[in-house]
PDB file of all heavy atoms in Angstrom:
ATOM      1  N   SER A   1     113.843  90.566 101.542  1.00  0.00           N
ATOM      2  CA  SER A   1     114.036  90.064 102.900  1.00  0.00           C
ATOM      3  C   SER A   1     115.017  88.901 102.936  1.00  0.00           C
ATOM      4  O   SER A   1     115.828  88.795 103.866  1.00  0.00           O
ATOM      5  CB  SER A   1     112.698  89.637 103.505  1.00  0.00           C
ATOM      6  OG  SER A   1     111.852  90.741 103.674  1.00  0.00           O
ATOM      7  N   VAL A   2     114.941  88.040 101.940  1.00  0.00           N
ATOM      8  CA  VAL A   2     115.898  86.936 101.856  1.00  0.00           C
ATOM      9  C   VAL A   2     117.312  87.502 101.738  1.00  0.00           C
ATOM     10  O   VAL A   2     118.230  87.066 102.444  1.00  0.00           O
ATOM     11  CB  VAL A   2     115.577  85.984 100.674  1.00  0.00           C
ATOM     12  CG1 VAL A   2     116.722  85.014 100.415  1.00  0.00           C
ATOM     13  CG2 VAL A   2     114.285  85.220 100.936  1.00  0.00           C
ATOM     14  N   CYS A   3     117.494  88.478 100.871  1.00  0.00           N
ATOM     15  CA  CYS A   3     118.814  89.107 100.707  1.00  0.00           C
ATOM     16  C   CYS A   3     119.247  89.817 101.987  1.00  0.00           C
ATOM     17  O   CYS A   3     120.419  89.775 102.364  1.00  0.00           O
ATOM     18  CB  CYS A   3     118.793  90.092  99.548  1.00  0.00           C
ATOM     19  SG  CYS A   3     118.568  89.301  97.950  1.00  0.00           S
ATOM     20  N   LYS A   4     118.310  90.485 102.628  1.00  0.00           N
ATOM     21  CA  LYS A   4     118.614  91.184 103.881  1.00  0.00           C
ATOM     22  C   LYS A   4     119.015  90.171 104.945  1.00  0.00           C
ATOM     23  O   LYS A   4     119.973  90.371 105.689  1.00  0.00           O
ATOM     24  CB  LYS A   4     117.399  91.990 104.326  1.00  0.00           C
ATOM     25  CG  LYS A   4     117.596  92.811 105.579  1.00  0.00           C
ATOM     26  CD  LYS A   4     118.742  93.742 105.456  1.00  0.00           C
ATOM     27  CE  LYS A   4     118.320  95.164 105.429  1.00  0.00           C
ATOM     28  NZ  LYS A   4     119.520  96.027 105.541  1.00  0.00           N
ATOM     29  N   GLY A   5     118.320  89.044 105.002  1.00  0.00           N
ATOM     30  CA  GLY A   5     118.665  87.985 105.948  1.00  0.00           C
ATOM     31  C   GLY A   5     120.051  87.438 105.693  1.00  0.00           C
ATOM     32  O   GLY A   5     120.786  87.103 106.617  1.00  0.00           O
ATOM     33  N   LEU A   6     120.417  87.358 104.424  1.00  0.00           N
ATOM     34  CA  LEU A   6     121.751  86.897 104.050  1.00  0.00           C
ATOM     35  C   LEU A   6     122.824  87.877 104.542  1.00  0.00           C
ATOM     36  O   LEU A   6     123.894  87.475 104.980  1.00  0.00           O
ATOM     37  CB  LEU A   6     121.836  86.745 102.531  1.00  0.00           C
ATOM     38  CG  LEU A   6     123.143  86.274 101.936  1.00  0.00           C
ATOM     39  CD1 LEU A   6     123.461  84.858 102.402  1.00  0.00           C
ATOM     40  CD2 LEU A   6     123.079  86.321 100.421  1.00  0.00           C
ATOM     41  N   ALA A   7     122.517  89.172 104.470  1.00  0.00           N
ATOM     42  CA  ALA A   7     123.478  90.206 104.860  1.00  0.00           C
ATOM     43  C   ALA A   7     123.619  90.329 106.375  1.00  0.00           C
ATOM     44  O   ALA A   7     124.663  90.782 106.853  1.00  0.00           O
ATOM     45  CB  ALA A   7     123.060  91.558 104.276  1.00  0.00           C
ATOM     46  N   LEU A   8     122.594  89.954 107.114  1.00  0.00           N
ATOM     47  CA  LEU A   8     122.640  90.084 108.570  1.00  0.00           C
ATOM     48  C   LEU A   8     123.612  89.076 109.161  1.00  0.00           C
ATOM     49  O   LEU A   8     123.692  87.932 108.730  1.00  0.00           O
ATOM     50  CB  LEU A   8     121.256  89.859 109.179  1.00  0.00           C
ATOM     51  CG  LEU A   8     120.195  90.907 108.868  1.00  0.00           C
ATOM     52  CD1 LEU A   8     118.838  90.441 109.362  1.00  0.00           C
ATOM     53  CD2 LEU A   8     120.554  92.244 109.469  1.00  0.00           C
ATOM     54  N   LYS A   9     124.339  89.515 110.157  1.00  0.00           N
ATOM     55  CA  LYS A   9     125.256  88.604 110.849  1.00  0.00           C
ATOM     56  C   LYS A   9     124.468  87.545 111.612  1.00  0.00           C
ATOM     57  O   LYS A   9     124.790  86.382 111.608  1.00  0.00           O
ATOM     58  CB  LYS A   9     126.152  89.375 111.816  1.00  0.00           C
ATOM     59  CG  LYS A   9     126.958  90.468 111.152  1.00  0.00           C
ATOM     60  CD  LYS A   9     128.053  89.903 110.285  1.00  0.00           C
ATOM     61  CE  LYS A   9     128.900  91.027 109.735  1.00  0.00           C
ATOM     62  NZ  LYS A   9     129.101  90.975 108.338  1.00  0.00           N
ATOM     63  N   GLU A  10     123.428  87.996 112.286  1.00  0.00           N
ATOM     64  CA  GLU A  10     122.554  87.100 113.037  1.00  0.00           C
ATOM     65  C   GLU A  10     121.116  87.474 112.730  1.00  0.00           C
ATOM     66  O   GLU A  10     120.776  88.641 112.649  1.00  0.00           O
ATOM     67  CB  GLU A  10     122.762  87.254 114.544  1.00  0.00           C
ATOM     68  CG  GLU A  10     124.036  86.676 115.070  1.00  0.00           C
ATOM     69  CD  GLU A  10     124.123  86.842 116.582  1.00  0.00           C
ATOM     70  OE1 GLU A  10     123.103  87.161 117.223  1.00  0.00           O
ATOM     71  OE2 GLU A  10     125.216  86.657 117.110  1.00  0.00           O
ATOM     72  N   SER A  11     120.286  86.486 112.567  1.00  0.00           N
ATOM     73  CA  SER A  11     118.874  86.733 112.322  1.00  0.00           C
ATOM     74  C   SER A  11     118.098  86.346 113.573  1.00  0.00           C
ATOM     75  O   SER A  11     118.124  85.208 114.007  1.00  0.00           O
ATOM     76  CB  SER A  11     118.402  85.899 111.127  1.00  0.00           C
ATOM     77  OG  SER A  11     117.010  85.944 111.050  1.00  0.00           O
ATOM     78  N   SER A  12     117.428  87.311 114.161  1.00  0.00           N
ATOM     79  CA  SER A  12     116.613  87.054 115.339  1.00  0.00           C
ATOM     80  C   SER A  12     115.143  87.222 114.987  1.00  0.00           C
ATOM     81  O   SER A  12     114.804  87.778 113.936  1.00  0.00           O
ATOM     82  CB  SER A  12     116.990  88.029 116.457  1.00  0.00           C
ATOM     83  OG  SER A  12     116.625  89.353 116.075  1.00  0.00           O
ATOM     84  N   LEU A  13     114.285  86.736 115.854  1.00  0.00           N
ATOM     85  CA  LEU A  13     112.852  86.902 115.649  1.00  0.00           C
ATOM     86  C   LEU A  13     112.497  88.390 115.607  1.00  0.00           C
ATOM     87  O   LEU A  13     111.662  88.818 114.808  1.00  0.00           O
ATOM     88  CB  LEU A  13     112.078  86.190 116.754  1.00  0.00           C
ATOM     89  CG  LEU A  13     110.552  86.279 116.681  1.00  0.00           C
ATOM     90  CD1 LEU A  13     110.040  85.673 115.379  1.00  0.00           C
ATOM     91  CD2 LEU A  13     109.918  85.599 117.873  1.00  0.00           C
ATOM     92  N   GLY A  14     113.170  89.202 116.434  1.00  0.00           N
ATOM     93  CA  GLY A  14     112.925  90.648 116.455  1.00  0.00           C
ATOM     94  C   GLY A  14     113.245  91.310 115.123  1.00  0.00           C
ATOM     95  O   GLY A  14     112.481  92.134 114.628  1.00  0.00           O
ATOM     96  N   LYS A  15     114.367  90.931 114.526  1.00  0.00           N
ATOM     97  CA  LYS A  15     114.744  91.499 113.229  1.00  0.00           C
ATOM     98  C   LYS A  15     113.785  91.030 112.134  1.00  0.00           C
ATOM     99  O   LYS A  15     113.427  91.797 111.246  1.00  0.00           O
ATOM    100  CB  LYS A  15     116.180  91.126 112.871  1.00  0.00           C
ATOM    101  CG  LYS A  15     117.201  91.845 113.714  1.00  0.00           C
ATOM    102  CD  LYS A  15     118.614  91.442 113.358  1.00  0.00           C
ATOM    103  CE  LYS A  15     119.614  92.175 114.239  1.00  0.00           C
ATOM    104  NZ  LYS A  15     120.988  91.782 113.959  1.00  0.00           N
ATOM    105  N   ALA A  16     113.380  89.783 112.209  1.00  0.00           N
ATOM    106  CA  ALA A  16     112.430  89.256 111.224  1.00  0.00           C
ATOM    107  C   ALA A  16     111.095  89.990 111.326  1.00  0.00           C
ATOM    108  O   ALA A  16     110.512  90.378 110.303  1.00  0.00           O
ATOM    109  CB  ALA A  16     112.239  87.749 111.424  1.00  0.00           C
ATOM    110  N   LEU A  17     110.619  90.206 112.546  1.00  0.00           N
ATOM    111  CA  LEU A  17     109.361  90.929 112.729  1.00  0.00           C
ATOM    112  C   LEU A  17     109.483  92.398 112.323  1.00  0.00           C
ATOM    113  O   LEU A  17     108.545  92.965 111.753  1.00  0.00           O
ATOM    114  CB  LEU A  17     108.885  90.818 114.179  1.00  0.00           C
ATOM    115  CG  LEU A  17     108.300  89.472 114.570  1.00  0.00           C
ATOM    116  CD1 LEU A  17     107.968  89.438 116.060  1.00  0.00           C
ATOM    117  CD2 LEU A  17     107.075  89.145 113.733  1.00  0.00           C
ATOM    118  N   LYS A  18     110.622  92.993 112.600  1.00  0.00           N
ATOM    119  CA  LYS A  18     110.848  94.391 112.206  1.00  0.00           C
ATOM    120  C   LYS A  18     110.748  94.534 110.690  1.00  0.00           C
ATOM    121  O   LYS A  18     110.053  95.419 110.181  1.00  0.00           O
ATOM    122  CB  LYS A  18     112.214  94.868 112.693  1.00  0.00           C
ATOM    123  CG  LYS A  18     112.498  96.329 112.406  1.00  0.00           C
ATOM    124  CD  LYS A  18     113.838  96.742 113.003  1.00  0.00           C
ATOM    125  CE  LYS A  18     114.100  98.219 112.774  1.00  0.00           C
ATOM    126  NZ  LYS A  18     115.368  98.638 113.391  1.00  0.00           N
ATOM    127  N   ALA A  19     111.417  93.659 109.964  1.00  0.00           N
ATOM    128  CA  ALA A  19     111.332  93.694 108.501  1.00  0.00           C
ATOM    129  C   ALA A  19     109.901  93.417 108.043  1.00  0.00           C
ATOM    130  O   ALA A  19     109.391  94.093 107.145  1.00  0.00           O
ATOM    131  CB  ALA A  19     112.287  92.673 107.891  1.00  0.00           C
ATOM    132  N   GLY A  20     109.252  92.453 108.665  1.00  0.00           N
ATOM    133  CA  GLY A  20     107.870  92.133 108.304  1.00  0.00           C
ATOM    134  C   GLY A  20     106.932  93.304 108.499  1.00  0.00           C
ATOM    135  O   GLY A  20     106.067  93.572 107.659  1.00  0.00           O
ATOM    136  N   ILE A  21     107.108  94.014 109.591  1.00  0.00           N
ATOM    137  CA  ILE A  21     106.251  95.182 109.862  1.00  0.00           C
ATOM    138  C   ILE A  21     106.513  96.289 108.850  1.00  0.00           C
ATOM    139  O   ILE A  21     105.580  96.916 108.337  1.00  0.00           O
ATOM    140  CB  ILE A  21     106.434  95.661 111.319  1.00  0.00           C
ATOM    141  CG1 ILE A  21     105.826  94.622 112.268  1.00  0.00           C
ATOM    142  CG2 ILE A  21     105.819  97.038 111.524  1.00  0.00           C
ATOM    143  CD1 ILE A  21     106.179  94.820 113.735  1.00  0.00           C
ATOM    144  N   TRP A  22     107.776  96.549 108.539  1.00  0.00           N
ATOM    145  CA  TRP A  22     108.098  97.573 107.536  1.00  0.00           C
ATOM    146  C   TRP A  22     107.455  97.233 106.199  1.00  0.00           C
ATOM    147  O   TRP A  22     106.714  98.035 105.616  1.00  0.00           O
ATOM    148  CB  TRP A  22     109.611  97.695 107.351  1.00  0.00           C
ATOM    149  CG  TRP A  22     110.266  98.697 108.240  1.00  0.00           C
ATOM    150  CD1 TRP A  22     111.025  98.434 109.340  1.00  0.00           C
ATOM    151  CD2 TRP A  22     110.214 100.116 108.127  1.00  0.00           C
ATOM    152  NE1 TRP A  22     111.456  99.608 109.907  1.00  0.00           N
ATOM    153  CE2 TRP A  22     110.974 100.654 109.174  1.00  0.00           C
ATOM    154  CE3 TRP A  22     109.597 100.990 107.229  1.00  0.00           C
ATOM    155  CZ2 TRP A  22     111.130 102.022 109.362  1.00  0.00           C
ATOM    156  CZ3 TRP A  22     109.764 102.355 107.402  1.00  0.00           C
ATOM    157  CH2 TRP A  22     110.517 102.854 108.457  1.00  0.00           C
ATOM    158  N   PHE A  23     107.762  96.038 105.691  1.00  0.00           N
ATOM    159  CA  PHE A  23     107.273  95.670 104.366  1.00  0.00           C
ATOM    160  C   PHE A  23     105.758  95.489 104.351  1.00  0.00           C
ATOM    161  O   PHE A  23     105.078  95.921 103.420  1.00  0.00           O
ATOM    162  CB  PHE A  23     107.977  94.405 103.863  1.00  0.00           C
ATOM    163  CG  PHE A  23     109.431  94.613 103.567  1.00  0.00           C
ATOM    164  CD1 PHE A  23     110.408  93.856 104.203  1.00  0.00           C
ATOM    165  CD2 PHE A  23     109.846  95.569 102.653  1.00  0.00           C
ATOM    166  CE1 PHE A  23     111.753  94.040 103.929  1.00  0.00           C
ATOM    167  CE2 PHE A  23     111.187  95.769 102.378  1.00  0.00           C
ATOM    168  CZ  PHE A  23     112.148  95.004 103.018  1.00  0.00           C
ATOM    169  N   GLY A  24     105.211  94.856 105.372  1.00  0.00           N
ATOM    170  CA  GLY A  24     103.765  94.637 105.433  1.00  0.00           C
ATOM    171  C   GLY A  24     102.985  95.943 105.496  1.00  0.00           C
ATOM    172  O   GLY A  24     101.943  96.090 104.852  1.00  0.00           O
ATOM    173  N   SER A  25     103.487  96.901 106.269  1.00  0.00           N
ATOM    174  CA  SER A  25     102.810  98.200 106.384  1.00  0.00           C
ATOM    175  C   SER A  25     102.776  98.930 105.050  1.00  0.00           C
ATOM    176  O   SER A  25     101.732  99.449 104.632  1.00  0.00           O
ATOM    177  CB  SER A  25     103.506  99.078 107.431  1.00  0.00           C
ATOM    178  OG  SER A  25     103.439  98.485 108.688  1.00  0.00           O
ATOM    179  N   PHE A  26     103.906  98.972 104.383  1.00  0.00           N
ATOM    180  CA  PHE A  26     103.952  99.666 103.096  1.00  0.00           C
ATOM    181  C   PHE A  26     103.117  98.943 102.037  1.00  0.00           C
ATOM    182  O   PHE A  26     102.440  99.579 101.234  1.00  0.00           O
ATOM    183  CB  PHE A  26     105.396  99.844 102.618  1.00  0.00           C
ATOM    184  CG  PHE A  26     106.023 101.109 103.123  1.00  0.00           C
ATOM    185  CD1 PHE A  26     106.416 101.223 104.449  1.00  0.00           C
ATOM    186  CD2 PHE A  26     106.214 102.190 102.289  1.00  0.00           C
ATOM    187  CE1 PHE A  26     106.989 102.384 104.935  1.00  0.00           C
ATOM    188  CE2 PHE A  26     106.790 103.365 102.755  1.00  0.00           C
ATOM    189  CZ  PHE A  26     107.176 103.462 104.090  1.00  0.00           C
ATOM    190  N   GLN A  27     103.166  97.617 102.046  1.00  0.00           N
ATOM    191  CA  GLN A  27     102.374  96.858 101.074  1.00  0.00           C
ATOM    192  C   GLN A  27     100.888  97.036 101.329  1.00  0.00           C
ATOM    193  O   GLN A  27     100.085  96.868 100.416  1.00  0.00           O
ATOM    194  CB  GLN A  27     102.729  95.367 101.113  1.00  0.00           C
ATOM    195  CG  GLN A  27     104.057  95.037 100.503  1.00  0.00           C
ATOM    196  CD  GLN A  27     104.074  95.108  98.982  1.00  0.00           C
ATOM    197  OE1 GLN A  27     103.150  95.525  98.326  1.00  0.00           O
ATOM    198  NE2 GLN A  27     105.183  94.684  98.414  1.00  0.00           N
ATOM    199  N   ALA A  28     100.484  97.365 102.531  1.00  0.00           N
ATOM    200  CA  ALA A  28      99.076  97.623 102.833  1.00  0.00           C
ATOM    201  C   ALA A  28      98.693  99.071 102.509  1.00  0.00           C
ATOM    202  O   ALA A  28      97.595  99.329 101.995  1.00  0.00           O
ATOM    203  CB  ALA A  28      98.788  97.315 104.303  1.00  0.00           C
ATOM    204  N   LEU A  29      99.588 100.011 102.797  1.00  0.00           N
ATOM    205  CA  LEU A  29      99.266 101.424 102.587  1.00  0.00           C
ATOM    206  C   LEU A  29      99.252 101.813 101.102  1.00  0.00           C
ATOM    207  O   LEU A  29      98.429 102.636 100.688  1.00  0.00           O
ATOM    208  CB  LEU A  29     100.248 102.310 103.348  1.00  0.00           C
ATOM    209  CG  LEU A  29     100.124 102.277 104.868  1.00  0.00           C
ATOM    210  CD1 LEU A  29     101.251 103.067 105.516  1.00  0.00           C
ATOM    211  CD2 LEU A  29      98.764 102.815 105.304  1.00  0.00           C
ATOM    212  N   MET A  30     100.139 101.248 100.320  1.00  0.00           N
ATOM    213  CA  MET A  30     100.226 101.641  98.911  1.00  0.00           C
ATOM    214  C   MET A  30      98.975 101.261  98.110  1.00  0.00           C
ATOM    215  O   MET A  30      98.490 102.076  97.316  1.00  0.00           O
ATOM    216  CB  MET A  30     101.490 101.083  98.272  1.00  0.00           C
ATOM    217  CG  MET A  30     102.749 101.726  98.822  1.00  0.00           C
ATOM    218  SD  MET A  30     102.822 103.497  98.507  1.00  0.00           S
ATOM    219  CE  MET A  30     103.972 103.506  97.164  1.00  0.00           C
ATOM    220  N   PRO A  31      98.396 100.061  98.263  1.00  0.00           N
ATOM    221  CA  PRO A  31      97.167  99.792  97.515  1.00  0.00           C
ATOM    222  C   PRO A  31      96.011 100.678  97.980  1.00  0.00           C
ATOM    223  O   PRO A  31      95.144 101.032  97.183  1.00  0.00           O
ATOM    224  CB  PRO A  31      96.862  98.317  97.769  1.00  0.00           C
ATOM    225  CG  PRO A  31      97.927  97.778  98.606  1.00  0.00           C
ATOM    226  CD  PRO A  31      98.881  98.887  98.947  1.00  0.00           C
ATOM    227  N   LEU A  32      96.027 101.042  99.253  1.00  0.00           N
ATOM    228  CA  LEU A  32      94.998 101.958  99.745  1.00  0.00           C
ATOM    229  C   LEU A  32      95.125 103.302  99.035  1.00  0.00           C
ATOM    230  O   LEU A  32      94.132 103.868  98.568  1.00  0.00           O
ATOM    231  CB  LEU A  32      95.112 102.126 101.263  1.00  0.00           C
ATOM    232  CG  LEU A  32      94.116 103.087 101.901  1.00  0.00           C
ATOM    233  CD1 LEU A  32      92.677 102.632 101.654  1.00  0.00           C
ATOM    234  CD2 LEU A  32      94.392 103.204 103.391  1.00  0.00           C
ATOM    235  N   ALA A  33      96.353 103.812  98.926  1.00  0.00           N
ATOM    236  CA  ALA A  33      96.582 105.074  98.211  1.00  0.00           C
ATOM    237  C   ALA A  33      96.179 104.940  96.740  1.00  0.00           C
ATOM    238  O   ALA A  33      95.530 105.826  96.176  1.00  0.00           O
ATOM    239  CB  ALA A  33      98.044 105.485  98.324  1.00  0.00           C
ATOM    240  N   GLY A  34      96.542 103.823  96.114  1.00  0.00           N
ATOM    241  CA  GLY A  34      96.164 103.591  94.725  1.00  0.00           C
ATOM    242  C   GLY A  34      94.658 103.483  94.556  1.00  0.00           C
ATOM    243  O   GLY A  34      94.090 103.996  93.584  1.00  0.00           O
ATOM    244  N   PHE A  35      94.006 102.845  95.501  1.00  0.00           N
ATOM    245  CA  PHE A  35      92.545 102.713  95.457  1.00  0.00           C
ATOM    246  C   PHE A  35      91.875 104.079  95.531  1.00  0.00           C
ATOM    247  O   PHE A  35      90.959 104.380  94.763  1.00  0.00           O
ATOM    248  CB  PHE A  35      92.079 101.828  96.621  1.00  0.00           C
ATOM    249  CG  PHE A  35      90.594 101.636  96.681  1.00  0.00           C
ATOM    250  CD1 PHE A  35      89.989 100.632  95.931  1.00  0.00           C
ATOM    251  CD2 PHE A  35      89.802 102.432  97.486  1.00  0.00           C
ATOM    252  CE1 PHE A  35      88.627 100.443  95.982  1.00  0.00           C
ATOM    253  CE2 PHE A  35      88.433 102.254  97.545  1.00  0.00           C
ATOM    254  CZ  PHE A  35      87.836 101.253  96.789  1.00  0.00           C
ATOM    255  N   LEU A  36      92.357 104.916  96.448  1.00  0.00           N
ATOM    256  CA  LEU A  36      91.781 106.255  96.588  1.00  0.00           C
ATOM    257  C   LEU A  36      91.997 107.071  95.318  1.00  0.00           C
ATOM    258  O   LEU A  36      91.096 107.791  94.867  1.00  0.00           O
ATOM    259  CB  LEU A  36      92.373 106.962  97.805  1.00  0.00           C
ATOM    260  CG  LEU A  36      92.030 106.318  99.157  1.00  0.00           C
ATOM    261  CD1 LEU A  36      92.805 107.002 100.283  1.00  0.00           C
ATOM    262  CD2 LEU A  36      90.541 106.354  99.412  1.00  0.00           C
ATOM    263  N   LEU A  37      93.158 106.937  94.717  1.00  0.00           N
ATOM    264  CA  LEU A  37      93.451 107.627  93.465  1.00  0.00           C
ATOM    265  C   LEU A  37      92.579 107.084  92.330  1.00  0.00           C
ATOM    266  O   LEU A  37      91.961 107.847  91.584  1.00  0.00           O
ATOM    267  CB  LEU A  37      94.934 107.466  93.122  1.00  0.00           C
ATOM    268  CG  LEU A  37      95.427 108.130  91.854  1.00  0.00           C
ATOM    269  CD1 LEU A  37      95.324 109.648  91.964  1.00  0.00           C
ATOM    270  CD2 LEU A  37      96.857 107.721  91.579  1.00  0.00           C
ATOM    271  N   GLY A  38      92.519 105.778  92.208  1.00  0.00           N
ATOM    272  CA  GLY A  38      91.734 105.158  91.152  1.00  0.00           C
ATOM    273  C   GLY A  38      90.246 105.406  91.283  1.00  0.00           C
ATOM    274  O   GLY A  38      89.524 105.509  90.283  1.00  0.00           O
ATOM    275  N   SER A  39      89.746 105.529  92.517  1.00  0.00           N
ATOM    276  CA  SER A  39      88.320 105.777  92.736  1.00  0.00           C
ATOM    277  C   SER A  39      87.884 107.113  92.167  1.00  0.00           C
ATOM    278  O   SER A  39      86.732 107.276  91.752  1.00  0.00           O
ATOM    279  CB  SER A  39      88.003 105.741  94.231  1.00  0.00           C
ATOM    280  OG  SER A  39      88.206 104.455  94.738  1.00  0.00           O
ATOM    281  N   ARG A  40      88.788 108.051  92.115  1.00  0.00           N
ATOM    282  CA  ARG A  40      88.465 109.380  91.579  1.00  0.00           C
ATOM    283  C   ARG A  40      88.170 109.320  90.074  1.00  0.00           C
ATOM    284  O   ARG A  40      87.436 110.145  89.550  1.00  0.00           O
ATOM    285  CB  ARG A  40      89.602 110.353  91.845  1.00  0.00           C
ATOM    286  CG  ARG A  40      89.844 110.600  93.315  1.00  0.00           C
ATOM    287  CD  ARG A  40      90.937 111.606  93.540  1.00  0.00           C
ATOM    288  NE  ARG A  40      90.703 112.873  92.909  1.00  0.00           N
ATOM    289  CZ  ARG A  40      90.138 113.928  93.463  1.00  0.00           C
ATOM    290  NH1 ARG A  40      89.747 113.854  94.711  1.00  0.00           N
ATOM    291  NH2 ARG A  40      89.983 115.049  92.798  1.00  0.00           N
ATOM    292  N   PHE A  41      88.783 108.335  89.381  1.00  0.00           N
ATOM    293  CA  PHE A  41      88.646 108.256  87.934  1.00  0.00           C
ATOM    294  C   PHE A  41      87.808 107.070  87.466  1.00  0.00           C
ATOM    295  O   PHE A  41      87.585 106.913  86.279  1.00  0.00           O
ATOM    296  CB  PHE A  41      90.040 108.158  87.291  1.00  0.00           C
ATOM    297  CG  PHE A  41      90.932 109.296  87.653  1.00  0.00           C
ATOM    298  CD1 PHE A  41      91.969 109.114  88.555  1.00  0.00           C
ATOM    299  CD2 PHE A  41      90.721 110.558  87.127  1.00  0.00           C
ATOM    300  CE1 PHE A  41      92.788 110.168  88.906  1.00  0.00           C
ATOM    301  CE2 PHE A  41      91.536 111.619  87.482  1.00  0.00           C
ATOM    302  CZ  PHE A  41      92.572 111.422  88.372  1.00  0.00           C
ATOM    303  N   GLN A  42      87.323 106.272  88.407  1.00  0.00           N
ATOM    304  CA  GLN A  42      86.667 105.020  88.073  1.00  0.00           C
ATOM    305  C   GLN A  42      85.429 105.200  87.186  1.00  0.00           C
ATOM    306  O   GLN A  42      85.255 104.485  86.219  1.00  0.00           O
ATOM    307  CB  GLN A  42      86.301 104.283  89.358  1.00  0.00           C
ATOM    308  CG  GLN A  42      85.800 102.897  89.123  1.00  0.00           C
ATOM    309  CD  GLN A  42      84.467 102.680  89.770  1.00  0.00           C
ATOM    310  OE1 GLN A  42      84.012 103.450  90.583  1.00  0.00           O
ATOM    311  NE2 GLN A  42      83.828 101.621  89.353  1.00  0.00           N
ATOM    312  N   LYS A  43      84.599 106.144  87.474  1.00  0.00           N
ATOM    313  CA  LYS A  43      83.354 106.334  86.711  1.00  0.00           C
ATOM    314  C   LYS A  43      83.617 106.702  85.249  1.00  0.00           C
ATOM    315  O   LYS A  43      82.888 106.286  84.367  1.00  0.00           O
ATOM    316  CB  LYS A  43      82.496 107.396  87.387  1.00  0.00           C
ATOM    317  CG  LYS A  43      81.834 106.914  88.661  1.00  0.00           C
ATOM    318  CD  LYS A  43      80.897 107.969  89.190  1.00  0.00           C
ATOM    319  CE  LYS A  43      80.137 107.633  90.417  1.00  0.00           C
ATOM    320  NZ  LYS A  43      80.602 106.766  91.379  1.00  0.00           N
TER     321      LYS A  43
END
């Protein structure tokens, strides 16, 4: 995000939130997927 902010001509609150939503969503979904996968083998 820091690098992306550097590349942007202008940084607005909308662009910052857009990046936050993209990264935050994926960072939340991936551990959920890993948890579901790991739960199958946990025992």
